Amino acid sequence: MRTRRAYDPAARRRRTLAAHKLSEAQYQALVRRQKGLCDVCAKPLPAHPHVDHDHGPSGRVRGVLCWWCNRLIGNNRNTALMFRRAAEYLESRFDGRAIRPEDWS
């Protein structure tokens, strides 16, 4: 039976930085570049922000994000097209209450 190791945030950060080929100094520079704010929602970064990176072959590091924004980008498959479509959808003036069922039969 394996015993579960205690959560160690410092070890997790070291593994994350190593996976993205970032030094601690580069990571801190990213946070300073963003003035301690999430690059997407502009809210203060949490204690352990996520390193956002391209999941494609380049693996480029785009910045650091809060958990919610990191999930938002990941769930949209890292594609700008999905966000453009979502923005069009949100900006649409369509009101489903005005639809008549006979128009779609």
PDB file of N, CA and C in Angstrom:
ATOM      1  N   MET A   1       0.834  -1.171   0.000  1.00  0.00           N
ATOM      2  CA  MET A   1       0.000   0.000   0.000  1.00  0.00           C
ATOM      3  C   MET A   1       0.888   1.247   0.000  1.00  0.00           C
ATOM      4  N   ARG A   2       0.636   2.145  -0.953  1.00  0.00           N
ATOM      5  CA  ARG A   2       1.423   3.366  -1.037  1.00  0.00           C
ATOM      6  C   ARG A   2       0.857   4.420  -0.099  1.00  0.00           C
ATOM      7  N   THR A   3       1.749   5.182   0.487  1.00  0.00           N
ATOM      8  CA  THR A   3       1.294   6.297   1.307  1.00  0.00           C
ATOM      9  C   THR A   3       1.284   7.547   0.455  1.00  0.00           C
ATOM     10  N   ARG A   4       0.343   8.388   0.723  1.00  0.00           N
ATOM     11  CA  ARG A   4       0.194   9.611  -0.047  1.00  0.00           C
ATOM     12  C   ARG A   4       1.130  10.682   0.508  1.00  0.00           C
ATOM     13  N   ARG A   5       1.881  11.317  -0.402  1.00  0.00           N
ATOM     14  CA  ARG A   5       2.788  12.379   0.016  1.00  0.00           C
ATOM     15  C   ARG A   5       1.997  13.650   0.313  1.00  0.00           C
ATOM     16  N   ALA A   6       2.489  14.427   1.252  1.00  0.00           N
ATOM     17  CA  ALA A   6       1.860  15.709   1.574  1.00  0.00           C
ATOM     18  C   ALA A   6       2.059  16.657   0.394  1.00  0.00           C
ATOM     19  N   TYR A   7       1.088  17.518   0.178  1.00  0.00           N
ATOM     20  CA  TYR A   7       1.164  18.500  -0.901  1.00  0.00           C
ATOM     21  C   TYR A   7       2.272  19.498  -0.593  1.00  0.00           C
ATOM     22  N   ASP A   8       3.167  19.681  -1.524  1.00  0.00           N
ATOM     23  CA  ASP A   8       4.286  20.598  -1.354  1.00  0.00           C
ATOM     24  C   ASP A   8       4.266  21.608  -2.496  1.00  0.00           C
ATOM     25  N   PRO A   9       3.723  22.831  -2.248  1.00  0.00           N
ATOM     26  CA  PRO A   9       3.613  23.814  -3.329  1.00  0.00           C
ATOM     27  C   PRO A   9       4.962  24.192  -3.944  1.00  0.00           C
ATOM     28  N   ALA A  10       6.008  24.230  -3.137  1.00  0.00           N
ATOM     29  CA  ALA A  10       7.327  24.589  -3.680  1.00  0.00           C
ATOM     30  C   ALA A  10       7.822  23.518  -4.652  1.00  0.00           C
ATOM     31  N   ALA A  11       7.623  22.253  -4.309  1.00  0.00           N
ATOM     32  CA  ALA A  11       8.029  21.158  -5.201  1.00  0.00           C
ATOM     33  C   ALA A  11       7.199  21.179  -6.477  1.00  0.00           C
ATOM     34  N   ARG A  12       5.916  21.468  -6.341  1.00  0.00           N
ATOM     35  CA  ARG A  12       5.046  21.528  -7.531  1.00  0.00           C
ATOM     36  C   ARG A  12       5.519  22.631  -8.462  1.00  0.00           C
ATOM     37  N   ARG A  13       5.859  23.806  -7.897  1.00  0.00           N
ATOM     38  CA  ARG A  13       6.321  24.902  -8.739  1.00  0.00           C
ATOM     39  C   ARG A  13       7.629  24.528  -9.425  1.00  0.00           C
ATOM     40  N   ARG A  14       8.549  23.888  -8.725  1.00  0.00           N
ATOM     41  CA  ARG A  14       9.806  23.467  -9.355  1.00  0.00           C
ATOM     42  C   ARG A  14       9.535  22.530 -10.527  1.00  0.00           C
ATOM     43  N   ARG A  15       8.618  21.585 -10.346  1.00  0.00           N
ATOM     44  CA  ARG A  15       8.286  20.649 -11.442  1.00  0.00           C
ATOM     45  C   ARG A  15       7.659  21.393 -12.619  1.00  0.00           C
ATOM     46  N   THR A  16       6.757  22.326 -12.313  1.00  0.00           N
ATOM     47  CA  THR A  16       6.096  23.101 -13.374  1.00  0.00           C
ATOM     48  C   THR A  16       7.111  23.924 -14.149  1.00  0.00           C
ATOM     49  N   LEU A  17       7.977  24.619 -13.438  1.00  0.00           N
ATOM     50  CA  LEU A  17       8.983  25.444 -14.112  1.00  0.00           C
ATOM     51  C   LEU A  17       9.923  24.582 -14.949  1.00  0.00           C
ATOM     52  N   ALA A  18      10.313  23.449 -14.432  1.00  0.00           N
ATOM     53  CA  ALA A  18      11.187  22.550 -15.191  1.00  0.00           C
ATOM     54  C   ALA A  18      10.483  22.048 -16.447  1.00  0.00           C
ATOM     55  N   ALA A  19       9.212  21.723 -16.334  1.00  0.00           N
ATOM     56  CA  ALA A  19       8.456  21.221 -17.492  1.00  0.00           C
ATOM     57  C   ALA A  19       8.375  22.266 -18.600  1.00  0.00           C
ATOM     58  N   HIS A  20       8.355  23.547 -18.224  1.00  0.00           N
ATOM     59  CA  HIS A  20       8.238  24.621 -19.219  1.00  0.00           C
ATOM     60  C   HIS A  20       9.570  25.304 -19.507  1.00  0.00           C
ATOM     61  N   LYS A  21      10.660  24.724 -18.951  1.00  0.00           N
ATOM     62  CA  LYS A  21      12.019  25.238 -19.169  1.00  0.00           C
ATOM     63  C   LYS A  21      12.140  26.701 -18.742  1.00  0.00           C
ATOM     64  N   LEU A  22      11.576  27.012 -17.574  1.00  0.00           N
ATOM     65  CA  LEU A  22      11.643  28.353 -17.000  1.00  0.00           C
ATOM     66  C   LEU A  22      12.466  28.321 -15.719  1.00  0.00           C
ATOM     67  N   SER A  23      13.238  29.366 -15.513  1.00  0.00           N
ATOM     68  CA  SER A  23      13.929  29.500 -14.231  1.00  0.00           C
ATOM     69  C   SER A  23      12.998  30.239 -13.271  1.00  0.00           C
ATOM     70  N   GLU A  24      13.308  30.190 -12.000  1.00  0.00           N
ATOM     71  CA  GLU A  24      12.516  30.936 -11.016  1.00  0.00           C
ATOM     72  C   GLU A  24      12.567  32.429 -11.332  1.00  0.00           C
ATOM     73  N   ALA A  25      13.732  32.918 -11.771  1.00  0.00           N
ATOM     74  CA  ALA A  25      13.876  34.341 -12.116  1.00  0.00           C
ATOM     75  C   ALA A  25      12.982  34.708 -13.299  1.00  0.00           C
ATOM     76  N   GLN A  26      12.910  33.840 -14.307  1.00  0.00           N
ATOM     77  CA  GLN A  26      12.039  34.105 -15.458  1.00  0.00           C
ATOM     78  C   GLN A  26      10.575  34.111 -15.029  1.00  0.00           C
ATOM     79  N   TYR A  27      10.207  33.169 -14.171  1.00  0.00           N
ATOM     80  CA  TYR A  27       8.835  33.096 -13.663  1.00  0.00           C
ATOM     81  C   TYR A  27       8.481  34.390 -12.925  1.00  0.00           C
ATOM     82  N   GLN A  28       9.365  34.835 -12.043  1.00  0.00           N
ATOM     83  CA  GLN A  28       9.110  36.065 -11.300  1.00  0.00           C
ATOM     84  C   GLN A  28       9.030  37.275 -12.245  1.00  0.00           C
ATOM     85  N   ALA A  29       9.849  37.271 -13.299  1.00  0.00           N
ATOM     86  CA  ALA A  29       9.812  38.352 -14.291  1.00  0.00           C
ATOM     87  C   ALA A  29       8.469  38.366 -15.015  1.00  0.00           C
ATOM     88  N   LEU A  30       7.910  37.184 -15.307  1.00  0.00           N
ATOM     89  CA  LEU A  30       6.580  37.120 -15.926  1.00  0.00           C
ATOM     90  C   LEU A  30       5.533  37.752 -15.025  1.00  0.00           C
ATOM     91  N   VAL A  31       5.581  37.402 -13.751  1.00  0.00           N
ATOM     92  CA  VAL A  31       4.615  37.961 -12.796  1.00  0.00           C
ATOM     93  C   VAL A  31       4.776  39.476 -12.721  1.00  0.00           C
ATOM     94  N   ARG A  32       6.024  39.974 -12.679  1.00  0.00           N
ATOM     95  CA  ARG A  32       6.259  41.425 -12.639  1.00  0.00           C
ATOM     96  C   ARG A  32       5.792  42.089 -13.920  1.00  0.00           C
ATOM     97  N   ARG A  33       6.068  41.458 -15.069  1.00  0.00           N
ATOM     98  CA  ARG A  33       5.643  41.999 -16.371  1.00  0.00           C
ATOM     99  C   ARG A  33       4.135  42.212 -16.389  1.00  0.00           C
ATOM    100  N   GLN A  34       3.412  41.307 -15.739  1.00  0.00           N
ATOM    101  CA  GLN A  34       1.950  41.381 -15.702  1.00  0.00           C
ATOM    102  C   GLN A  34       1.456  42.190 -14.500  1.00  0.00           C
ATOM    103  N   LYS A  35       2.394  42.797 -13.766  1.00  0.00           N
ATOM    104  CA  LYS A  35       2.066  43.622 -12.595  1.00  0.00           C
ATOM    105  C   LYS A  35       1.245  42.845 -11.565  1.00  0.00           C
ATOM    106  N   GLY A  36       1.489  41.523 -11.485  1.00  0.00           N
ATOM    107  CA  GLY A  36       0.801  40.696 -10.508  1.00  0.00           C
ATOM    108  C   GLY A  36      -0.646  40.402 -10.852  1.00  0.00           C
ATOM    109  N   LEU A  37      -1.028  40.680 -12.107  1.00  0.00           N
ATOM    110  CA  LEU A  37      -2.413  40.483 -12.542  1.00  0.00           C
ATOM    111  C   LEU A  37      -2.501  39.377 -13.581  1.00  0.00           C
ATOM    112  N   CYS A  38      -3.622  38.683 -13.599  1.00  0.00           N
ATOM    113  CA  CYS A  38      -3.889  37.677 -14.629  1.00  0.00           C
ATOM    114  C   CYS A  38      -3.954  38.395 -15.974  1.00  0.00           C
ATOM    115  N   ASP A  39      -3.305  37.848 -16.984  1.00  0.00           N
ATOM    116  CA  ASP A  39      -3.289  38.466 -18.317  1.00  0.00           C
ATOM    117  C   ASP A  39      -4.657  38.469 -18.993  1.00  0.00           C
ATOM    118  N   VAL A  40      -5.579  37.623 -18.571  1.00  0.00           N
ATOM    119  CA  VAL A  40      -6.888  37.547 -19.220  1.00  0.00           C
ATOM    120  C   VAL A  40      -7.930  38.380 -18.476  1.00  0.00           C
ATOM    121  N   CYS A  41      -8.137  38.118 -17.197  1.00  0.00           N
ATOM    122  CA  CYS A  41      -9.217  38.799 -16.461  1.00  0.00           C
ATOM    123  C   CYS A  41      -8.745  40.036 -15.711  1.00  0.00           C
ATOM    124  N   ALA A  42      -7.436  40.255 -15.633  1.00  0.00           N
ATOM    125  CA  ALA A  42      -6.836  41.420 -14.979  1.00  0.00           C
ATOM    126  C   ALA A  42      -7.088  41.473 -13.471  1.00  0.00           C
ATOM    127  N   LYS A  43      -7.454  40.355 -12.868  1.00  0.00           N
ATOM    128  CA  LYS A  43      -7.596  40.300 -11.412  1.00  0.00           C
ATOM    129  C   LYS A  43      -6.247  39.892 -10.823  1.00  0.00           C
ATOM    130  N   PRO A  44      -6.021  40.193  -9.536  1.00  0.00           N
ATOM    131  CA  PRO A  44      -4.745  39.792  -8.926  1.00  0.00           C
ATOM    132  C   PRO A  44      -4.507  38.288  -9.035  1.00  0.00           C
ATOM    133  N   LEU A  45      -3.273  37.941  -9.347  1.00  0.00           N
ATOM    134  CA  LEU A  45      -2.913  36.525  -9.458  1.00  0.00           C
ATOM    135  C   LEU A  45      -3.004  35.857  -8.097  1.00  0.00           C
ATOM    136  N   PRO A  46      -3.414  34.605  -8.058  1.00  0.00           N
ATOM    137  CA  PRO A  46      -3.449  33.881  -6.788  1.00  0.00           C
ATOM    138  C   PRO A  46      -2.024  33.547  -6.334  1.00  0.00           C
ATOM    139  N   ALA A  47      -1.919  32.969  -5.168  1.00  0.00           N
ATOM    140  CA  ALA A  47      -0.604  32.606  -4.621  1.00  0.00           C
ATOM    141  C   ALA A  47       0.161  31.664  -5.546  1.00  0.00           C
ATOM    142  N   HIS A  48      -0.545  30.776  -6.244  1.00  0.00           N
ATOM    143  CA  HIS A  48       0.097  29.811  -7.134  1.00  0.00           C
ATOM    144  C   HIS A  48      -0.535  29.904  -8.524  1.00  0.00           C
ATOM    145  N   PRO A  49      -0.166  30.940  -9.318  1.00  0.00           N
ATOM    146  CA  PRO A  49      -0.755  31.062 -10.652  1.00  0.00           C
ATOM    147  C   PRO A  49      -0.285  29.945 -11.579  1.00  0.00           C
ATOM    148  N   HIS A  50      -1.026  29.764 -12.642  1.00  0.00           N
ATOM    149  CA  HIS A  50      -0.727  28.712 -13.615  1.00  0.00           C
ATOM    150  C   HIS A  50       0.114  29.272 -14.754  1.00  0.00           C
ATOM    151  N   VAL A  51       1.098  28.509 -15.175  1.00  0.00           N
ATOM    152  CA  VAL A  51       1.915  28.879 -16.336  1.00  0.00           C
ATOM    153  C   VAL A  51       1.116  28.486 -17.571  1.00  0.00           C
ATOM    154  N   ASP A  52       0.713  29.487 -18.347  1.00  0.00           N
ATOM    155  CA  ASP A  52      -0.050  29.218 -19.565  1.00  0.00           C
ATOM    156  C   ASP A  52       0.924  28.991 -20.702  1.00  0.00           C
ATOM    157  N   HIS A  53       0.674  27.933 -21.460  1.00  0.00           N
ATOM    158  CA  HIS A  53       1.583  27.590 -22.554  1.00  0.00           C
ATOM    159  C   HIS A  53       0.796  27.035 -23.732  1.00  0.00           C
ATOM    160  N   ASP A  54       1.417  27.124 -24.883  1.00  0.00           N
ATOM    161  CA  ASP A  54       0.848  26.579 -26.117  1.00  0.00           C
ATOM    162  C   ASP A  54       0.997  25.068 -26.070  1.00  0.00           C
ATOM    163  N   HIS A  55      -0.092  24.357 -26.295  1.00  0.00           N
ATOM    164  CA  HIS A  55      -0.048  22.897 -26.273  1.00  0.00           C
ATOM    165  C   HIS A  55       0.436  22.320 -27.602  1.00  0.00           C
ATOM    166  N   GLY A  56       0.727  23.196 -28.557  1.00  0.00           N
ATOM    167  CA  GLY A  56       1.241  22.752 -29.846  1.00  0.00           C
ATOM    168  C   GLY A  56       2.728  22.471 -29.775  1.00  0.00           C
ATOM    169  N   PRO A  57       3.346  22.265 -30.926  1.00  0.00           N
ATOM    170  CA  PRO A  57       4.754  21.891 -30.963  1.00  0.00           C
ATOM    171  C   PRO A  57       5.692  22.951 -30.376  1.00  0.00           C
ATOM    172  N   SER A  58       5.305  24.229 -30.449  1.00  0.00           N
ATOM    173  CA  SER A  58       6.213  25.274 -29.953  1.00  0.00           C
ATOM    174  C   SER A  58       6.323  25.239 -28.433  1.00  0.00           C
ATOM    175  N   GLY A  59       5.230  24.930 -27.752  1.00  0.00           N
ATOM    176  CA  GLY A  59       5.226  24.891 -26.297  1.00  0.00           C
ATOM    177  C   GLY A  59       5.513  26.236 -25.662  1.00  0.00           C
ATOM    178  N   ARG A  60       5.404  27.336 -26.445  1.00  0.00           N
ATOM    179  CA  ARG A  60       5.771  28.650 -25.927  1.00  0.00           C
ATOM    180  C   ARG A  60       4.976  29.009 -24.682  1.00  0.00           C
ATOM    181  N   VAL A  61       5.614  29.708 -23.784  1.00  0.00           N
ATOM    182  CA  VAL A  61       4.966  30.164 -22.556  1.00  0.00           C
ATOM    183  C   VAL A  61       4.383  31.543 -22.840  1.00  0.00           C
ATOM    184  N   ARG A  62       3.054  31.663 -22.674  1.00  0.00           N
ATOM    185  CA  ARG A  62       2.380  32.926 -22.976  1.00  0.00           C
ATOM    186  C   ARG A  62       2.326  33.851 -21.776  1.00  0.00           C
ATOM    187  N   GLY A  63       2.302  33.296 -20.589  1.00  0.00           N
ATOM    188  CA  GLY A  63       2.230  34.120 -19.390  1.00  0.00           C
ATOM    189  C   GLY A  63       1.744  33.284 -18.222  1.00  0.00           C
ATOM    190  N   VAL A  64       1.320  33.971 -17.161  1.00  0.00           N
ATOM    191  CA  VAL A  64       0.761  33.283 -16.007  1.00  0.00           C
ATOM    192  C   VAL A  64      -0.678  33.754 -15.828  1.00  0.00           C
ATOM    193  N   LEU A  65      -1.536  32.807 -15.476  1.00  0.00           N
ATOM    194  CA  LEU A  65      -2.966  33.074 -15.374  1.00  0.00           C
ATOM    195  C   LEU A  65      -3.527  32.554 -14.061  1.00  0.00           C
ATOM    196  N   CYS A  66      -4.689  33.077 -13.700  1.00  0.00           N
ATOM    197  CA  CYS A  66      -5.413  32.509 -12.566  1.00  0.00           C
ATOM    198  C   CYS A  66      -6.017  31.169 -13.015  1.00  0.00           C
ATOM    199  N   TRP A  67      -6.459  30.391 -12.061  1.00  0.00           N
ATOM    200  CA  TRP A  67      -7.001  29.066 -12.354  1.00  0.00           C
ATOM    201  C   TRP A  67      -8.159  29.152 -13.340  1.00  0.00           C
ATOM    202  N   TRP A  68      -9.089  30.076 -13.111  1.00  0.00           N
ATOM    203  CA  TRP A  68     -10.285  30.165 -13.963  1.00  0.00           C
ATOM    204  C   TRP A  68      -9.929  30.461 -15.414  1.00  0.00           C
ATOM    205  N   CYS A  69      -9.054  31.430 -15.626  1.00  0.00           N
ATOM    206  CA  CYS A  69      -8.695  31.796 -16.996  1.00  0.00           C
ATOM    207  C   CYS A  69      -7.873  30.704 -17.675  1.00  0.00           C
ATOM    208  N   ASN A  70      -7.036  30.021 -16.923  1.00  0.00           N
ATOM    209  CA  ASN A  70      -6.285  28.898 -17.474  1.00  0.00           C
ATOM    210  C   ASN A  70      -7.253  27.808 -17.943  1.00  0.00           C
ATOM    211  N   ARG A  71      -8.271  27.522 -17.155  1.00  0.00           N
ATOM    212  CA  ARG A  71      -9.280  26.525 -17.533  1.00  0.00           C
ATOM    213  C   ARG A  71     -10.082  27.003 -18.743  1.00  0.00           C
ATOM    214  N   LEU A  72     -10.418  28.280 -18.761  1.00  0.00           N
ATOM    215  CA  LEU A  72     -11.184  28.849 -19.872  1.00  0.00           C
ATOM    216  C   LEU A  72     -10.454  28.629 -21.191  1.00  0.00           C
ATOM    217  N   ILE A  73      -9.173  28.936 -21.207  1.00  0.00           N
ATOM    218  CA  ILE A  73      -8.390  28.764 -22.432  1.00  0.00           C
ATOM    219  C   ILE A  73      -8.250  27.283 -22.775  1.00  0.00           C
ATOM    220  N   GLY A  74      -7.959  26.464 -21.799  1.00  0.00           N
ATOM    221  CA  GLY A  74      -7.813  25.034 -22.051  1.00  0.00           C
ATOM    222  C   GLY A  74      -9.091  24.394 -22.548  1.00  0.00           C
ATOM    223  N   ASN A  75     -10.223  24.785 -21.973  1.00  0.00           N
ATOM    224  CA  ASN A  75     -11.506  24.211 -22.397  1.00  0.00           C
ATOM    225  C   ASN A  75     -11.917  24.675 -23.779  1.00  0.00           C
ATOM    226  N   ASN A  76     -11.334  25.756 -24.260  1.00  0.00           N
ATOM    227  CA  ASN A  76     -11.617  26.235 -25.606  1.00  0.00           C
ATOM    228  C   ASN A  76     -10.553  25.791 -26.588  1.00  0.00           C
ATOM    229  N   ARG A  77      -9.858  24.739 -26.212  1.00  0.00           N
ATOM    230  CA  ARG A  77      -8.895  24.072 -27.082  1.00  0.00           C
ATOM    231  C   ARG A  77      -7.764  24.981 -27.558  1.00  0.00           C
ATOM    232  N   ASN A  78      -7.453  26.020 -26.768  1.00  0.00           N
ATOM    233  CA  ASN A  78      -6.348  26.929 -27.102  1.00  0.00           C
ATOM    234  C   ASN A  78      -6.483  27.580 -28.468  1.00  0.00           C
ATOM    235  N   THR A  79      -7.703  27.785 -28.952  1.00  0.00           N
ATOM    236  CA  THR A  79      -7.862  28.379 -30.276  1.00  0.00           C
ATOM    237  C   THR A  79      -8.538  29.738 -30.177  1.00  0.00           C
ATOM    238  N   ALA A  80      -7.966  30.712 -30.858  1.00  0.00           N
ATOM    239  CA  ALA A  80      -8.541  32.054 -30.887  1.00  0.00           C
ATOM    240  C   ALA A  80      -9.900  32.035 -31.576  1.00  0.00           C
ATOM    241  N   LEU A  81     -10.081  31.142 -32.547  1.00  0.00           N
ATOM    242  CA  LEU A  81     -11.351  31.057 -33.261  1.00  0.00           C
ATOM    243  C   LEU A  81     -12.517  30.797 -32.306  1.00  0.00           C
ATOM    244  N   MET A  82     -12.307  29.924 -31.334  1.00  0.00           N
ATOM    245  CA  MET A  82     -13.376  29.640 -30.371  1.00  0.00           C
ATOM    246  C   MET A  82     -13.751  30.912 -29.604  1.00  0.00           C
ATOM    247  N   PHE A  83     -12.779  31.718 -29.254  1.00  0.00           N
ATOM    248  CA  PHE A  83     -13.058  32.950 -28.515  1.00  0.00           C
ATOM    249  C   PHE A  83     -13.724  33.990 -29.399  1.00  0.00           C
ATOM    250  N   ARG A  84     -13.339  34.050 -30.676  1.00  0.00           N
ATOM    251  CA  ARG A  84     -14.002  34.980 -31.593  1.00  0.00           C
ATOM    252  C   ARG A  84     -15.473  34.602 -31.736  1.00  0.00           C
ATOM    253  N   ARG A  85     -15.740  33.313 -31.891  1.00  0.00           N
ATOM    254  CA  ARG A  85     -17.124  32.853 -32.003  1.00  0.00           C
ATOM    255  C   ARG A  85     -17.899  33.134 -30.716  1.00  0.00           C
ATOM    256  N   ALA A  86     -17.254  32.903 -29.584  1.00  0.00           N
ATOM    257  CA  ALA A  86     -17.914  33.170 -28.299  1.00  0.00           C
ATOM    258  C   ALA A  86     -18.223  34.657 -28.156  1.00  0.00           C
ATOM    259  N   ALA A  87     -17.296  35.520 -28.576  1.00  0.00           N
ATOM    260  CA  ALA A  87     -17.533  36.970 -28.491  1.00  0.00           C
ATOM    261  C   ALA A  87     -18.699  37.371 -29.396  1.00  0.00           C
ATOM    262  N   GLU A  88     -18.750  36.822 -30.611  1.00  0.00           N
ATOM    263  CA  GLU A  88     -19.879  37.115 -31.508  1.00  0.00           C
ATOM    264  C   GLU A  88     -21.187  36.666 -30.880  1.00  0.00           C
ATOM    265  N   TYR A  89     -21.180  35.508 -30.281  1.00  0.00           N
ATOM    266  CA  TYR A  89     -22.370  34.977 -29.620  1.00  0.00           C
ATOM    267  C   TYR A  89     -22.820  35.907 -28.489  1.00  0.00           C
ATOM    268  N   LEU A  90     -21.878  36.336 -27.660  1.00  0.00           N
ATOM    269  CA  LEU A  90     -22.215  37.207 -26.537  1.00  0.00           C
ATOM    270  C   LEU A  90     -22.691  38.590 -26.994  1.00  0.00           C
ATOM    271  N   GLU A  91     -22.148  39.061 -28.107  1.00  0.00           N
ATOM    272  CA  GLU A  91     -22.514  40.386 -28.610  1.00  0.00           C
ATOM    273  C   GLU A  91     -23.750  40.374 -29.495  1.00  0.00           C
ATOM    274  N   SER A  92     -24.256  39.203 -29.809  1.00  0.00           N
ATOM    275  CA  SER A  92     -25.444  39.082 -30.654  1.00  0.00           C
ATOM    276  C   SER A  92     -26.647  39.745 -29.978  1.00  0.00           C
ATOM    277  N   ARG A  93     -27.535  40.260 -30.778  1.00  0.00           N
ATOM    278  CA  ARG A  93     -28.755  40.879 -30.250  1.00  0.00           C
ATOM    279  C   ARG A  93     -29.936  39.906 -30.321  1.00  0.00           C
ATOM    280  N   PHE A  94     -29.668  38.673 -30.703  1.00  0.00           N
ATOM    281  CA  PHE A  94     -30.724  37.663 -30.798  1.00  0.00           C
ATOM    282  C   PHE A  94     -31.376  37.450 -29.444  1.00  0.00           C
ATOM    283  N   ASP A  95     -32.713  37.353 -29.457  1.00  0.00           N
ATOM    284  CA  ASP A  95     -33.476  37.052 -28.241  1.00  0.00           C
ATOM    285  C   ASP A  95     -34.366  35.855 -28.549  1.00  0.00           C
ATOM    286  N   GLY A  96     -34.068  34.731 -27.945  1.00  0.00           N
ATOM    287  CA  GLY A  96     -34.808  33.505 -28.193  1.00  0.00           C
ATOM    288  C   GLY A  96     -36.282  33.592 -27.848  1.00  0.00           C
ATOM    289  N   ARG A  97     -36.671  34.577 -27.046  1.00  0.00           N
ATOM    290  CA  ARG A  97     -38.100  34.732 -26.709  1.00  0.00           C
ATOM    291  C   ARG A  97     -38.899  35.222 -27.898  1.00  0.00           C
ATOM    292  N   ALA A  98     -38.235  35.779 -28.913  1.00  0.00           N
ATOM    293  CA  ALA A  98     -38.930  36.305 -30.080  1.00  0.00           C
ATOM    294  C   ALA A  98     -39.109  35.254 -31.168  1.00  0.00           C
ATOM    295  N   ILE A  99     -38.545  34.077 -30.987  1.00  0.00           N
ATOM    296  CA  ILE A  99     -38.611  33.047 -32.025  1.00  0.00           C
ATOM    297  C   ILE A  99     -40.005  32.436 -32.078  1.00  0.00           C
ATOM    298  N   ARG A 100     -40.443  32.153 -33.297  1.00  0.00           N
ATOM    299  CA  ARG A 100     -41.736  31.499 -33.483  1.00  0.00           C
ATOM    300  C   ARG A 100     -41.465  30.081 -33.934  1.00  0.00           C
ATOM    301  N   PRO A 101     -42.022  29.084 -33.258  1.00  0.00           N
ATOM    302  CA  PRO A 101     -41.750  27.681 -33.612  1.00  0.00           C
ATOM    303  C   PRO A 101     -42.029  27.357 -35.065  1.00  0.00           C
ATOM    304  N   GLU A 102     -43.040  27.984 -35.645  1.00  0.00           N
ATOM    305  CA  GLU A 102     -43.373  27.677 -37.046  1.00  0.00           C
ATOM    306  C   GLU A 102     -42.290  28.142 -38.006  1.00  0.00           C
ATOM    307  N   ASP A 103     -41.447  29.070 -37.597  1.00  0.00           N
ATOM    308  CA  ASP A 103     -40.346  29.520 -38.454  1.00  0.00           C
ATOM    309  C   ASP A 103     -39.283  28.448 -38.617  1.00  0.00           C
ATOM    310  N   TRP A 104     -39.244  27.444 -37.719  1.00  0.00           N
ATOM    311  CA  TRP A 104     -38.196  26.452 -37.713  1.00  0.00           C
ATOM    312  C   TRP A 104     -38.716  25.037 -37.887  1.00  0.00           C
ATOM    313  N   SER A 105     -39.900  24.913 -38.444  1.00  0.00           N
ATOM    314  CA  SER A 105     -40.424  23.562 -38.644  1.00  0.00           C
ATOM    315  C   SER A 105     -40.096  23.030 -40.020  1.00  0.00           C
TER     316      SER A 105
END
